Amino acid sequence: MPFLELSIRCSESEQPRYEHALEDVGALAVTLLDADAATPNERAILEPGVGQTPLWQGIALSALFPHDADALMLLAALESFDPALDWTSASFRKVDDQDWERAWMDQYVPLRFGARTWIVPWNQALPAGATAADAAVVRLDPGLAFGSGTHPTTSLCLQWLDALAADGELEGATVLDFGCGSGILALAALKLGAVHAVGVDNDPQALLATADNAGRNGVGERLQVHSPEEEPAATYPVVVANILASALDALAETLAARVAPGGRIALSGILAGQEPPLLDRYGAWFDDLQVAREDEWIRIDGRRR
């Protein structure tokens, strides 16, 4: 199936805002390229690694949308979302699956988060020096669903889950991964000691990717996936939601209701500067709200009173 690709050039400082806007209007995937490489073949595909930012002067953002998306309507939505950004240089073209679906594998390497958590692509081994017996290894093939661990929003959540496991709070727990994408957070929780996980996403592709990744990691029977409309009402000792700030605000009551008394929540997908109203909003239900930052992204976590 073909996709509609939007391409636009921006500076390093503008990149988080452009990416946030593209994701907000429904981009299926966003890739960063070196806009000044001599040839297309020299353009390294990159999501910044943990604690890193792109080193390029110019960044070419490419975003995928469904093939039947209306380009003019997308531009109008983007200009409405962030009118201060210049969208006039955006270009569109149709691309096939194979142009994107495997490209990330060429550049992606095993990554460690916290003390034990490793995200490893299918075609690579656990790095030398990593103790397999102690490592919580997620082998990932996200396809077109968001979540390979390299984006700061995902990294912040993986570090939080790793710390919960170190404190014994994941052992035997059931975890809700709201906005599961590729299922990376639910899978990491299961590898770190959770007994069961539930993934929720409004993208059917994400639900398929999550279920497929769970099966490949040998935890398919311990992970269930649902659309938001089909999700059974339940409470959980651990909830993680890696979605956009606007969705976290709109879903605050729903997410708060999913956390059992005394349970833990982590909220990510928040750009720096967007956290104050969310802290006020979630303060109605949660104590000890903490803020962690990686690059331009924020995680909020706390305990349900």
Protein backbone atom coordinates (compact mmCIF):
# COMPACT_ATOMS: atom_id res chain seq x y z
CA MET A 1 0.00 0.00 0.00
CA PRO A 2 1.45 3.43 -0.89
CA PHE A 3 1.74 6.32 1.52
CA LEU A 4 1.73 10.10 1.22
CA GLU A 5 5.11 11.53 2.26
CA LEU A 6 5.54 15.12 3.42
CA SER A 7 9.10 16.50 3.35
CA ILE A 8 10.32 19.79 4.79
CA ARG A 9 13.65 21.28 5.84
CA CYS A 10 14.19 22.91 9.24
CA SER A 11 16.90 23.90 11.69
CA GLU A 12 17.96 21.81 14.68
CA SER A 13 16.27 24.21 17.11
CA GLU A 14 12.97 24.06 15.19
CA GLN A 15 12.94 20.27 14.77
CA PRO A 16 10.98 19.35 17.96
CA ARG A 17 8.18 21.79 17.08
CA TYR A 18 7.91 20.55 13.49
CA GLU A 19 7.91 16.92 14.62
CA HIS A 20 5.32 17.61 17.33
CA ALA A 21 3.01 19.30 14.81
CA LEU A 22 3.35 16.44 12.30
CA GLU A 23 2.55 13.85 14.95
CA ASP A 24 -0.40 15.89 16.19
CA VAL A 25 -2.05 15.89 12.74
CA GLY A 26 -1.65 12.12 12.40
CA ALA A 27 1.77 11.29 10.94
CA LEU A 28 2.32 7.52 10.96
CA ALA A 29 6.11 7.93 11.15
CA VAL A 30 8.61 10.78 11.23
CA THR A 31 12.21 10.37 10.08
CA LEU A 32 15.09 12.85 10.41
CA LEU A 33 17.70 13.13 7.66
CA ASP A 34 20.84 15.19 7.12
CA ALA A 35 19.56 17.83 4.72
CA ASP A 36 23.07 18.76 3.58
CA ALA A 37 24.44 15.31 2.71
CA ALA A 38 26.10 15.18 -0.70
CA THR A 39 23.88 12.41 -2.02
CA PRO A 40 20.66 10.75 -0.84
CA ASN A 41 22.60 7.54 -0.15
CA GLU A 42 24.74 9.36 2.41
CA ARG A 43 21.77 10.59 4.38
CA ALA A 44 21.74 8.68 7.66
CA ILE A 45 18.26 7.96 8.98
CA LEU A 46 18.12 8.97 12.61
CA GLU A 47 16.02 9.30 15.69
CA PRO A 48 18.37 10.94 18.23
CA GLY A 49 19.91 8.46 20.66
CA VAL A 50 19.66 8.74 24.41
CA GLY A 51 21.10 12.07 25.52
CA GLN A 52 21.92 13.07 21.95
CA THR A 53 20.64 15.65 19.47
CA PRO A 54 21.25 15.83 15.72
CA LEU A 55 24.61 17.30 14.76
CA TRP A 56 23.47 18.67 11.41
CA GLN A 57 22.99 22.33 10.53
CA GLY A 58 19.97 21.47 8.41
CA ILE A 59 17.47 18.68 9.07
CA ALA A 60 15.13 17.19 6.48
CA LEU A 61 11.96 15.89 8.12
CA SER A 62 9.94 13.28 6.27
CA ALA A 63 6.55 12.22 7.57
CA LEU A 64 4.26 9.44 6.37
CA PHE A 65 0.49 9.80 6.12
CA PRO A 66 -2.20 7.47 4.73
CA HIS A 67 -2.13 7.39 0.93
CA ASP A 68 -5.56 9.02 0.66
CA ALA A 69 -4.73 11.97 2.93
CA ASP A 70 -5.46 15.39 1.44
CA ALA A 71 -2.20 17.35 1.18
CA LEU A 72 -3.87 20.77 1.26
CA MET A 73 -5.94 19.85 4.31
CA LEU A 74 -2.79 18.59 6.05
CA LEU A 75 -1.03 21.88 5.38
CA ALA A 76 -4.00 23.82 6.69
CA ALA A 77 -4.05 21.70 9.86
CA LEU A 78 -0.30 22.15 10.37
CA GLU A 79 -0.50 25.92 9.90
CA SER A 80 -3.37 26.04 12.37
CA PHE A 81 -1.50 23.90 14.92
CA ASP A 82 1.67 26.04 14.84
CA PRO A 83 1.22 29.15 12.65
CA ALA A 84 4.65 30.50 13.65
CA LEU A 85 6.39 27.73 11.66
CA ASP A 86 6.99 28.09 7.92
CA TRP A 87 5.14 25.31 6.07
CA THR A 88 5.37 26.90 2.60
CA SER A 89 8.37 24.78 1.56
CA ALA A 90 6.67 21.45 2.33
CA SER A 91 6.55 18.99 -0.58
CA PHE A 92 4.54 15.81 -1.08
CA ARG A 93 5.02 12.55 -2.99
CA LYS A 94 3.66 9.01 -3.01
CA VAL A 95 5.99 6.27 -1.66
CA ASP A 96 5.74 2.48 -1.33
CA ASP A 97 6.05 0.47 1.87
CA GLN A 98 9.53 -0.80 1.08
CA ASP A 99 10.93 2.74 0.97
CA TRP A 100 10.33 3.07 4.71
CA GLU A 101 9.42 -0.11 6.52
CA ARG A 102 12.93 -1.54 6.80
CA ALA A 103 15.07 1.60 6.58
CA TRP A 104 15.43 2.06 10.34
CA MET A 105 17.06 -1.37 10.71
CA ASP A 106 20.15 -0.19 8.80
CA GLN A 107 21.01 2.41 11.44
CA TYR A 108 19.42 1.08 14.62
CA VAL A 109 21.73 -0.46 17.25
CA PRO A 110 21.06 -2.12 20.64
CA LEU A 111 20.29 0.46 23.32
CA ARG A 112 20.31 0.21 27.11
CA PHE A 113 17.89 2.03 29.40
CA GLY A 114 18.52 2.07 33.13
CA ALA A 115 20.17 -0.90 34.79
CA ARG A 116 18.69 -3.86 32.91
CA THR A 117 16.53 -2.88 29.97
CA TRP A 118 17.85 -3.50 26.44
CA ILE A 119 16.05 -2.80 23.17
CA VAL A 120 17.68 -4.88 20.44
CA PRO A 121 16.73 -5.15 16.75
CA TRP A 122 16.00 -8.61 15.41
CA ASN A 123 19.11 -8.73 13.23
CA GLN A 124 21.62 -7.99 16.02
CA ALA A 125 22.98 -9.77 19.08
CA LEU A 126 23.08 -8.51 22.66
CA PRO A 127 26.27 -6.43 22.97
CA ALA A 128 29.38 -7.98 24.47
CA GLY A 129 29.53 -7.33 28.19
CA ALA A 130 25.75 -7.41 28.69
CA THR A 131 24.75 -10.20 31.05
CA ALA A 132 21.99 -12.12 29.30
CA ALA A 133 20.77 -13.72 32.52
CA ASP A 134 20.10 -10.35 34.12
CA ALA A 135 19.16 -8.30 31.05
CA ALA A 136 15.54 -7.56 30.23
CA VAL A 137 15.80 -7.83 26.44
CA VAL A 138 13.08 -6.66 24.06
CA ARG A 139 13.72 -7.61 20.45
CA LEU A 140 11.85 -5.16 18.31
CA ASP A 141 10.57 -4.87 14.78
CA PRO A 142 8.27 -1.85 14.95
CA GLY A 143 7.57 -1.56 11.24
CA LEU A 144 5.59 1.64 10.74
CA ALA A 145 4.27 1.91 14.29
CA PHE A 146 5.96 4.49 16.50
CA GLY A 147 8.33 3.27 19.17
CA SER A 148 11.87 2.01 18.70
CA GLY A 149 13.25 3.32 21.99
CA THR A 150 15.46 5.99 20.47
CA HIS A 151 12.98 8.85 20.76
CA PRO A 152 13.33 10.75 24.08
CA THR A 153 9.64 10.26 24.95
CA THR A 154 10.06 6.47 24.77
CA SER A 155 13.47 6.58 26.44
CA LEU A 156 12.04 8.47 29.42
CA CYS A 157 9.34 5.83 29.90
CA LEU A 158 11.77 2.92 29.57
CA GLN A 159 14.03 4.45 32.21
CA TRP A 160 11.02 4.89 34.51
CA LEU A 161 9.93 1.26 34.08
CA ASP A 162 13.48 0.06 34.73
CA ALA A 163 13.58 2.06 37.96
CA LEU A 164 10.18 0.68 39.04
CA ALA A 165 11.50 -2.84 38.48
CA ALA A 166 14.58 -2.08 40.58
CA ASP A 167 12.24 -1.05 43.42
CA GLY A 168 10.18 -4.24 43.03
CA GLU A 169 7.03 -2.40 41.89
CA LEU A 170 6.66 -4.33 38.62
CA GLU A 171 6.98 -7.82 40.08
CA GLY A 172 3.70 -9.65 39.47
CA ALA A 173 1.95 -6.44 38.34
CA THR A 174 -0.42 -5.81 35.45
CA VAL A 175 0.61 -2.79 33.36
CA LEU A 176 -1.49 -0.58 31.08
CA ASP A 177 0.38 0.88 28.08
CA PHE A 178 -1.95 3.58 26.74
CA GLY A 179 -0.90 4.63 23.23
CA CYS A 180 1.18 1.48 22.85
CA GLY A 181 2.59 2.08 19.32
CA SER A 182 4.94 -0.85 18.71
CA GLY A 183 4.28 -2.22 22.21
CA ILE A 184 7.78 -1.43 23.39
CA LEU A 185 6.75 -0.20 26.85
CA ALA A 186 4.37 -3.10 27.53
CA LEU A 187 7.02 -5.57 26.37
CA ALA A 188 9.70 -3.97 28.53
CA ALA A 189 7.38 -4.13 31.56
CA LEU A 190 6.77 -7.85 30.98
CA LYS A 191 10.49 -8.53 30.58
CA LEU A 192 11.14 -6.59 33.80
CA GLY A 193 8.77 -8.66 35.93
CA ALA A 194 5.17 -7.67 35.17
CA VAL A 195 2.90 -10.69 34.86
CA HIS A 196 0.44 -9.19 32.39
CA ALA A 197 0.12 -6.11 30.17
CA VAL A 198 -2.63 -4.37 28.21
CA GLY A 199 -1.88 -2.22 25.18
CA VAL A 200 -4.34 0.42 23.94
CA ASP A 201 -4.00 2.40 20.70
CA ASN A 202 -6.37 4.04 18.21
CA ASP A 203 -4.17 2.97 15.27
CA PRO A 204 -4.96 -0.56 13.98
CA GLN A 205 -1.41 -0.79 12.60
CA ALA A 206 -0.04 -0.20 16.11
CA LEU A 207 -2.23 -2.94 17.57
CA LEU A 208 -1.01 -5.39 14.91
CA ALA A 209 2.62 -4.40 15.52
CA THR A 210 2.22 -4.76 19.29
CA ALA A 211 0.65 -8.20 19.04
CA ASP A 212 3.28 -9.34 16.54
CA ASN A 213 6.16 -8.08 18.68
CA ALA A 214 4.67 -9.74 21.76
CA GLY A 215 4.53 -13.08 19.96
CA ARG A 216 8.11 -12.77 18.74
CA ASN A 217 9.27 -11.98 22.27
CA GLY A 218 7.51 -15.02 23.69
CA VAL A 219 4.97 -13.06 25.75
CA GLY A 220 1.99 -13.12 23.38
CA GLU A 221 -0.27 -14.86 25.91
CA ARG A 222 0.51 -12.23 28.55
CA LEU A 223 -0.32 -9.13 26.47
CA GLN A 224 -3.75 -8.06 25.23
CA VAL A 225 -4.39 -5.22 22.79
CA HIS A 226 -7.52 -3.09 22.43
CA SER A 227 -8.74 0.01 20.65
CA PRO A 228 -9.87 2.75 23.07
CA GLU A 229 -13.50 1.94 22.29
CA GLU A 230 -13.03 -1.75 23.13
CA GLU A 231 -10.76 -1.38 26.14
CA PRO A 232 -12.35 -2.99 29.21
CA ALA A 233 -12.66 -0.66 32.19
CA ALA A 234 -10.16 -1.76 34.83
CA THR A 235 -7.64 -0.39 37.30
CA TYR A 236 -3.91 -1.11 37.22
CA PRO A 237 -1.02 -0.69 39.64
CA VAL A 238 1.12 0.74 36.82
CA VAL A 239 -0.03 2.92 33.90
CA VAL A 240 2.18 4.50 31.26
CA ALA A 241 0.88 6.83 28.55
CA ASN A 242 3.27 8.01 25.86
CA ILE A 243 0.99 10.22 23.77
CA LEU A 244 0.74 13.93 22.96
CA ALA A 245 0.18 16.59 25.60
CA SER A 246 -3.21 17.54 24.12
CA ALA A 247 -4.36 13.93 24.43
CA LEU A 248 -3.01 13.64 27.97
CA ASP A 249 -5.08 16.67 28.89
CA ALA A 250 -8.24 15.39 27.19
CA LEU A 251 -7.86 11.89 28.69
CA ALA A 252 -6.86 12.95 32.20
CA GLU A 253 -10.02 11.64 33.89
CA THR A 254 -9.88 8.38 31.95
CA LEU A 255 -6.22 7.76 32.73
CA ALA A 256 -6.60 8.71 36.39
CA ALA A 257 -9.49 6.25 36.68
CA ARG A 258 -7.26 3.47 35.31
CA VAL A 259 -4.72 3.79 38.14
CA ALA A 260 -5.44 1.84 41.33
CA PRO A 261 -5.11 3.68 44.66
CA GLY A 262 -1.42 3.84 45.48
CA GLY A 263 -0.56 2.94 41.88
CA ARG A 264 2.00 4.64 39.66
CA ILE A 265 1.56 6.62 36.44
CA ALA A 266 4.01 8.01 33.87
CA LEU A 267 2.96 10.55 31.24
CA SER A 268 5.19 11.29 28.26
CA GLY A 269 5.00 12.93 24.84
CA ILE A 270 5.18 16.38 26.43
CA LEU A 271 7.30 19.17 24.99
CA ALA A 272 9.20 21.33 27.47
CA GLY A 273 6.90 24.18 28.47
CA GLN A 274 3.72 22.11 28.15
CA GLU A 275 4.04 20.49 31.58
CA PRO A 276 2.67 23.22 33.96
CA PRO A 277 -1.03 22.82 33.04
CA LEU A 278 -0.67 19.03 33.05
CA LEU A 279 0.86 19.12 36.52
CA ASP A 280 -2.13 21.13 37.71
CA ARG A 281 -4.57 18.83 35.92
CA TYR A 282 -3.17 15.56 37.22
CA GLY A 283 -2.53 17.02 40.66
CA ALA A 284 -6.24 16.50 41.32
CA TRP A 285 -5.60 12.74 41.59
CA PHE A 286 -1.86 12.18 42.03
CA ASP A 287 0.69 12.98 44.72
CA ASP A 288 4.45 13.43 44.45
CA LEU A 289 4.32 14.47 40.79
CA GLN A 290 7.86 14.54 39.41
CA VAL A 291 9.24 15.97 36.16
CA ALA A 292 12.08 14.40 34.17
CA ARG A 293 13.54 15.90 30.99
CA GLU A 294 15.48 14.53 28.04
CA ASP A 295 16.36 16.95 25.25
CA GLU A 296 13.18 18.96 24.59
CA TRP A 297 10.83 16.32 26.02
CA ILE A 298 9.25 15.89 29.45
CA ARG A 299 7.96 12.95 31.51
CA ILE A 300 5.61 13.45 34.44
CA ASP A 301 5.17 10.64 36.97
CA GLY A 302 3.37 10.30 40.27
CA ARG A 303 1.40 8.09 42.66
CA ARG A 304 -2.41 7.82 42.83
CA ARG A 305 -3.78 9.01 46.12
